[in-house]
Amino acid sequence: MSDNLSYDFENLTIAKDSRIATVTLNRPKVLNALNDQTIAELDHCFEQISRDDSIGVVILTGAGEKAFVAGADIRELASQGPDEARSRALAGQRAMTRIERCGRPVIAAINGFALGGGLELALACHLRYVASTAKLGLPEVTLGIIPGYGGTQRLQRIVGRGRALQLILTGDMIGAGEAVAYGLANGVTPADELLATVEKVARTIASRGPVALRLALDGVLRGGEVALGEGLAIEADLFGLVSATDDMKEGMTAFIEKRSANFVGH
């Protein structure tokens, strides 16, 4: 990690291999439930990642074999009033948006239950791969509440309104195969092959131009929030920006010379 950045957290562990950082939610005794402290640590962690040029791709997963994140910490939610609930939702949304907008491709390795806040966390990632044993859902209505960390917004943008409403209004869980069929997951693997599969995808992405990756993410995310014409204008602006980089020159030269590109990130 960069010398001027700190990745010392109580509920997260961070490991780095070349340009790939693996962030693990590390509360396995409570199935990695998202309490307020963990939300704050995620926010701070990805703020640091956004400033760490040594990181090109992030893998996000959960400790243990049972859960990615089984949900929010119900003990904290049970006593909240309206003002506290709104503040908690805003803090969770801020952390999820921080992940989504960190400027690095983030891949969720969903190794078990991804429920409630856990699915909302996965939705904030750019790619999602699931173990064949995984279960996903937004069961908040079974507790008399609704998703508060972005679930009502991101899920419909990914799977469409009908399927999003089915999951949100029933509170039912779906399995790995359904998640792929819904477009909610990019792929499914046996549980013991999940991390290896995700690491292979991460290595492929990390070999691409860093500036191009950041601008491509920016184009997709910002373009998805506006009308098509505005999105196309955003894309044209970003295409102009990337064409002024050393990485663009290197990528084109490497292609012509039939060799691997040596991107430098500017």
Protein backbone atom coordinates (compact mmCIF):
# COMPACT_ATOMS: atom_id res chain seq x y z
CA MET A 1 0.00 0.00 0.00
CA SER A 2 1.06 3.60 -0.44
CA ASP A 3 3.10 4.91 2.47
CA ASN A 4 0.83 7.90 3.11
CA LEU A 5 -2.40 5.91 3.29
CA SER A 6 -3.67 3.77 6.18
CA TYR A 7 -5.71 0.58 5.78
CA ASP A 8 -5.90 -0.33 9.47
CA PHE A 9 -9.50 -1.28 10.32
CA GLU A 10 -11.22 -3.36 12.97
CA ASN A 11 -13.94 -4.93 10.80
CA LEU A 12 -12.16 -5.04 7.44
CA THR A 13 -8.99 -6.73 6.28
CA ILE A 14 -7.06 -5.52 3.23
CA ALA A 15 -4.64 -7.60 1.19
CA LYS A 16 -2.82 -6.52 -1.95
CA ASP A 17 -1.30 -8.61 -4.74
CA SER A 18 0.23 -6.53 -7.50
CA ARG A 19 -2.48 -4.01 -8.51
CA ILE A 20 -5.37 -6.01 -7.02
CA ALA A 21 -6.63 -5.22 -3.51
CA THR A 22 -8.94 -7.65 -1.71
CA VAL A 23 -11.18 -6.09 0.93
CA THR A 24 -12.77 -8.64 3.27
CA LEU A 25 -15.58 -7.88 5.68
CA ASN A 26 -14.34 -9.62 8.78
CA ARG A 27 -17.17 -10.23 11.26
CA PRO A 28 -17.81 -13.92 10.59
CA LYS A 29 -19.38 -14.59 14.01
CA VAL A 30 -22.30 -12.33 13.03
CA LEU A 31 -22.21 -13.31 9.34
CA ASN A 32 -20.39 -10.04 8.53
CA ALA A 33 -23.43 -7.94 9.44
CA LEU A 34 -23.12 -4.26 8.59
CA ASN A 35 -23.14 -2.27 11.80
CA ASP A 36 -22.54 1.48 11.87
CA GLN A 37 -18.81 1.04 12.47
CA THR A 38 -18.40 -1.27 9.48
CA ILE A 39 -20.28 1.18 7.26
CA ALA A 40 -17.97 3.98 8.40
CA GLU A 41 -14.91 1.80 7.80
CA LEU A 42 -16.08 0.94 4.28
CA ASP A 43 -16.57 4.63 3.55
CA HIS A 44 -13.09 5.49 4.77
CA CYS A 45 -11.47 2.46 3.11
CA PHE A 46 -12.78 3.28 -0.34
CA GLU A 47 -11.99 6.96 0.08
CA GLN A 48 -8.39 5.85 0.62
CA ILE A 49 -8.55 3.44 -2.34
CA SER A 50 -9.72 6.25 -4.61
CA ARG A 51 -6.44 8.07 -3.84
CA ASP A 52 -4.14 5.03 -4.01
CA ASP A 53 -2.56 4.81 -7.46
CA SER A 54 -1.07 1.41 -6.64
CA ILE A 55 -4.55 -0.16 -6.72
CA GLY A 56 -6.14 -0.90 -10.08
CA VAL A 57 -8.94 -3.33 -9.19
CA VAL A 58 -10.72 -4.21 -5.94
CA ILE A 59 -12.26 -7.53 -4.89
CA LEU A 60 -14.84 -7.27 -2.10
CA THR A 61 -15.83 -10.40 -0.18
CA GLY A 62 -16.86 -11.70 3.25
CA ALA A 63 -14.96 -13.75 5.80
CA GLY A 64 -16.03 -17.32 6.46
CA GLU A 65 -17.97 -19.77 4.33
CA LYS A 66 -21.55 -18.78 5.18
CA ALA A 67 -21.98 -15.16 4.24
CA PHE A 68 -20.83 -12.30 2.09
CA VAL A 69 -22.89 -10.01 4.31
CA ALA A 70 -26.08 -11.36 5.87
CA GLY A 71 -27.59 -7.90 6.32
CA ALA A 72 -27.51 -4.87 8.56
CA ASP A 73 -27.02 -5.25 12.30
CA ILE A 74 -30.62 -5.70 13.51
CA ARG A 75 -29.65 -4.85 17.09
CA GLU A 76 -28.84 -1.32 15.97
CA LEU A 77 -31.91 -0.96 13.77
CA ALA A 78 -34.39 -2.24 16.38
CA SER A 79 -34.17 0.85 18.58
CA GLN A 80 -33.94 3.56 15.92
CA GLY A 81 -36.39 6.40 15.57
CA PRO A 82 -37.20 8.32 12.38
CA ASP A 83 -34.33 10.82 12.61
CA GLU A 84 -31.74 8.19 13.49
CA ALA A 85 -33.06 5.92 10.73
CA ARG A 86 -32.75 8.66 8.12
CA SER A 87 -29.21 9.49 9.27
CA ARG A 88 -28.27 5.81 9.17
CA ALA A 89 -29.67 5.46 5.65
CA LEU A 90 -27.73 8.51 4.46
CA ALA A 91 -24.50 7.15 5.98
CA GLY A 92 -25.04 3.78 4.32
CA GLN A 93 -25.88 5.39 0.99
CA ARG A 94 -22.76 7.55 1.21
CA ALA A 95 -20.57 4.48 1.77
CA MET A 96 -22.18 2.58 -1.11
CA THR A 97 -21.78 5.55 -3.44
CA ARG A 98 -18.15 5.86 -2.34
CA ILE A 99 -17.58 2.27 -3.49
CA GLU A 100 -19.45 2.79 -6.76
CA ARG A 101 -17.55 6.02 -7.52
CA CYS A 102 -14.07 5.08 -6.25
CA GLY A 103 -12.65 5.12 -9.79
CA ARG A 104 -11.55 1.48 -9.60
CA PRO A 105 -13.50 -1.52 -10.88
CA VAL A 106 -14.91 -3.28 -7.80
CA ILE A 107 -15.87 -6.96 -8.06
CA ALA A 108 -18.08 -8.56 -5.41
CA ALA A 109 -17.18 -12.19 -4.65
CA ILE A 110 -20.45 -13.29 -3.04
CA ASN A 111 -19.48 -16.36 -1.06
CA GLY A 112 -22.75 -16.95 0.80
CA PHE A 113 -25.74 -14.97 2.04
CA ALA A 114 -26.05 -11.46 0.57
CA LEU A 115 -29.19 -10.16 2.21
CA GLY A 116 -30.51 -6.69 2.92
CA GLY A 117 -27.57 -4.36 3.37
CA GLY A 118 -25.33 -7.12 2.08
CA LEU A 119 -27.09 -7.19 -1.29
CA GLU A 120 -27.10 -3.39 -1.32
CA LEU A 121 -23.33 -3.53 -0.82
CA ALA A 122 -23.00 -5.96 -3.73
CA LEU A 123 -25.19 -3.72 -5.89
CA ALA A 124 -22.72 -0.87 -5.36
CA CYS A 125 -19.97 -3.03 -6.90
CA HIS A 126 -19.48 -2.99 -10.65
CA LEU A 127 -19.36 -6.77 -11.20
CA ARG A 128 -20.80 -9.56 -9.07
CA TYR A 129 -19.83 -13.25 -9.04
CA VAL A 130 -21.66 -15.72 -6.82
CA ALA A 131 -20.87 -19.06 -5.28
CA SER A 132 -23.34 -21.77 -6.26
CA THR A 133 -24.44 -21.88 -2.60
CA ALA A 134 -25.18 -18.14 -2.36
CA LYS A 135 -28.59 -16.72 -1.48
CA LEU A 136 -29.50 -13.14 -2.32
CA GLY A 137 -32.42 -10.96 -1.33
CA LEU A 138 -33.84 -7.81 0.21
CA PRO A 139 -35.94 -9.13 3.12
CA GLU A 140 -36.51 -5.76 4.80
CA VAL A 141 -40.31 -5.83 4.40
CA THR A 142 -40.39 -8.99 6.55
CA LEU A 143 -39.06 -6.77 9.35
CA GLY A 144 -41.49 -3.94 8.67
CA ILE A 145 -38.91 -1.67 7.02
CA ILE A 146 -37.61 -1.01 3.50
CA PRO A 147 -34.12 -1.10 1.96
CA GLY A 148 -32.24 2.02 2.98
CA TYR A 149 -28.71 1.75 1.54
CA GLY A 150 -29.69 2.15 -2.11
CA GLY A 151 -31.53 -1.09 -2.75
CA THR A 152 -34.75 0.44 -4.09
CA GLN A 153 -32.71 2.45 -6.59
CA ARG A 154 -29.78 0.31 -7.74
CA LEU A 155 -31.63 -2.99 -7.98
CA GLN A 156 -34.19 -1.72 -10.49
CA ARG A 157 -31.42 -0.16 -12.57
CA ILE A 158 -29.68 -3.53 -12.78
CA VAL A 159 -32.52 -6.05 -13.12
CA GLY A 160 -35.47 -3.89 -14.19
CA ARG A 161 -38.41 -2.58 -12.21
CA GLY A 162 -40.57 -5.72 -12.32
CA ARG A 163 -37.96 -8.08 -10.95
CA ALA A 164 -36.76 -5.48 -8.43
CA LEU A 165 -40.30 -5.04 -7.10
CA GLN A 166 -40.77 -8.79 -6.91
CA LEU A 167 -37.72 -9.15 -4.70
CA ILE A 168 -38.40 -6.04 -2.61
CA LEU A 169 -42.13 -6.60 -2.06
CA THR A 170 -41.95 -10.34 -1.28
CA GLY A 171 -38.70 -10.23 0.68
CA ASP A 172 -37.91 -13.63 -0.85
CA MET A 173 -34.39 -14.94 -1.44
CA ILE A 174 -33.13 -16.18 -4.79
CA GLY A 175 -30.35 -18.62 -5.54
CA ALA A 176 -27.21 -18.21 -7.62
CA GLY A 177 -28.76 -19.47 -10.84
CA GLU A 178 -31.66 -17.05 -10.60
CA ALA A 179 -29.26 -14.21 -9.82
CA VAL A 180 -27.42 -14.88 -13.08
CA ALA A 181 -30.68 -15.20 -15.02
CA TYR A 182 -31.87 -11.87 -13.59
CA GLY A 183 -28.64 -10.16 -14.65
CA LEU A 184 -27.89 -9.56 -10.99
CA ALA A 185 -24.72 -11.68 -11.13
CA ASN A 186 -22.11 -11.93 -13.87
CA GLY A 187 -21.32 -15.58 -13.20
CA VAL A 188 -21.65 -18.50 -10.80
CA THR A 189 -18.98 -20.96 -9.67
CA PRO A 190 -18.58 -23.70 -7.07
CA ALA A 191 -17.85 -22.09 -3.71
CA ASP A 192 -14.28 -23.35 -3.58
CA GLU A 193 -13.53 -21.83 -7.00
CA LEU A 194 -15.13 -18.41 -6.43
CA LEU A 195 -12.08 -16.40 -5.41
CA ALA A 196 -9.88 -17.96 -8.08
CA THR A 197 -12.49 -17.10 -10.72
CA VAL A 198 -12.83 -13.51 -9.49
CA GLU A 199 -9.06 -13.08 -9.23
CA LYS A 200 -8.70 -14.19 -12.86
CA VAL A 201 -11.25 -11.56 -13.94
CA ALA A 202 -9.50 -8.96 -11.77
CA ARG A 203 -6.10 -9.75 -13.33
CA THR A 204 -7.54 -9.32 -16.81
CA ILE A 205 -9.06 -5.95 -15.90
CA ALA A 206 -5.89 -4.82 -14.09
CA SER A 207 -3.88 -5.40 -17.28
CA ARG A 208 -5.90 -2.77 -19.13
CA GLY A 209 -5.23 0.95 -19.27
CA PRO A 210 -5.86 2.49 -15.81
CA VAL A 211 -7.05 5.84 -17.15
CA ALA A 212 -9.31 4.11 -19.67
CA LEU A 213 -10.83 2.01 -16.89
CA ARG A 214 -11.58 5.07 -14.75
CA LEU A 215 -13.12 7.00 -17.63
CA ALA A 216 -15.14 4.01 -18.83
CA LEU A 217 -16.60 3.61 -15.35
CA ASP A 218 -17.33 7.31 -15.22
CA GLY A 219 -19.09 7.20 -18.57
CA VAL A 220 -21.29 4.26 -17.65
CA LEU A 221 -22.20 5.59 -14.20
CA ARG A 222 -22.89 9.19 -15.18
CA GLY A 223 -24.49 8.24 -18.47
CA GLY A 224 -26.87 5.87 -16.72
CA GLU A 225 -28.35 8.78 -14.79
CA VAL A 226 -29.22 11.03 -17.75
CA ALA A 227 -31.04 10.92 -21.08
CA LEU A 228 -29.30 9.20 -24.01
CA GLY A 229 -28.29 12.43 -25.71
CA GLU A 230 -26.62 13.74 -22.57
CA GLY A 231 -24.93 10.39 -22.05
CA LEU A 232 -23.51 10.44 -25.55
CA ALA A 233 -22.12 13.93 -24.92
CA ILE A 234 -20.45 12.66 -21.74
CA GLU A 235 -18.95 9.76 -23.69
CA ALA A 236 -17.57 12.08 -26.38
CA ASP A 237 -15.95 14.31 -23.75
CA LEU A 238 -14.35 11.32 -22.05
CA PHE A 239 -13.20 9.91 -25.39
CA GLY A 240 -11.44 13.21 -26.00
CA LEU A 241 -9.82 13.15 -22.57
CA VAL A 242 -8.49 9.61 -22.88
CA SER A 243 -7.04 10.41 -26.31
CA ALA A 244 -4.70 12.93 -24.70
CA THR A 245 -3.04 10.34 -22.43
CA ASP A 246 0.28 8.56 -22.65
CA ASP A 247 -1.62 5.32 -22.09
CA MET A 248 -3.56 5.86 -25.31
CA LYS A 249 -0.34 6.35 -27.25
CA GLU A 250 1.22 3.29 -25.64
CA GLY A 251 -1.85 1.13 -26.26
CA MET A 252 -2.01 2.04 -29.93
CA THR A 253 1.74 1.63 -30.43
CA ALA A 254 1.75 -1.75 -28.69
CA PHE A 255 -1.08 -2.96 -30.92
CA ILE A 256 0.76 -1.89 -34.08
CA GLU A 257 4.01 -3.45 -32.84
CA LYS A 258 2.19 -6.66 -31.81
CA ARG A 259 3.33 -6.58 -28.16
CA SER A 260 1.72 -6.19 -24.75
CA ALA A 261 1.09 -2.63 -23.67
CA ASN A 262 3.01 -1.16 -20.75
CA PHE A 263 0.49 1.27 -19.31
CA VAL A 264 1.69 3.90 -16.83
CA GLY A 265 -1.61 5.37 -15.70
CA HIS A 266 -1.49 8.82 -17.24
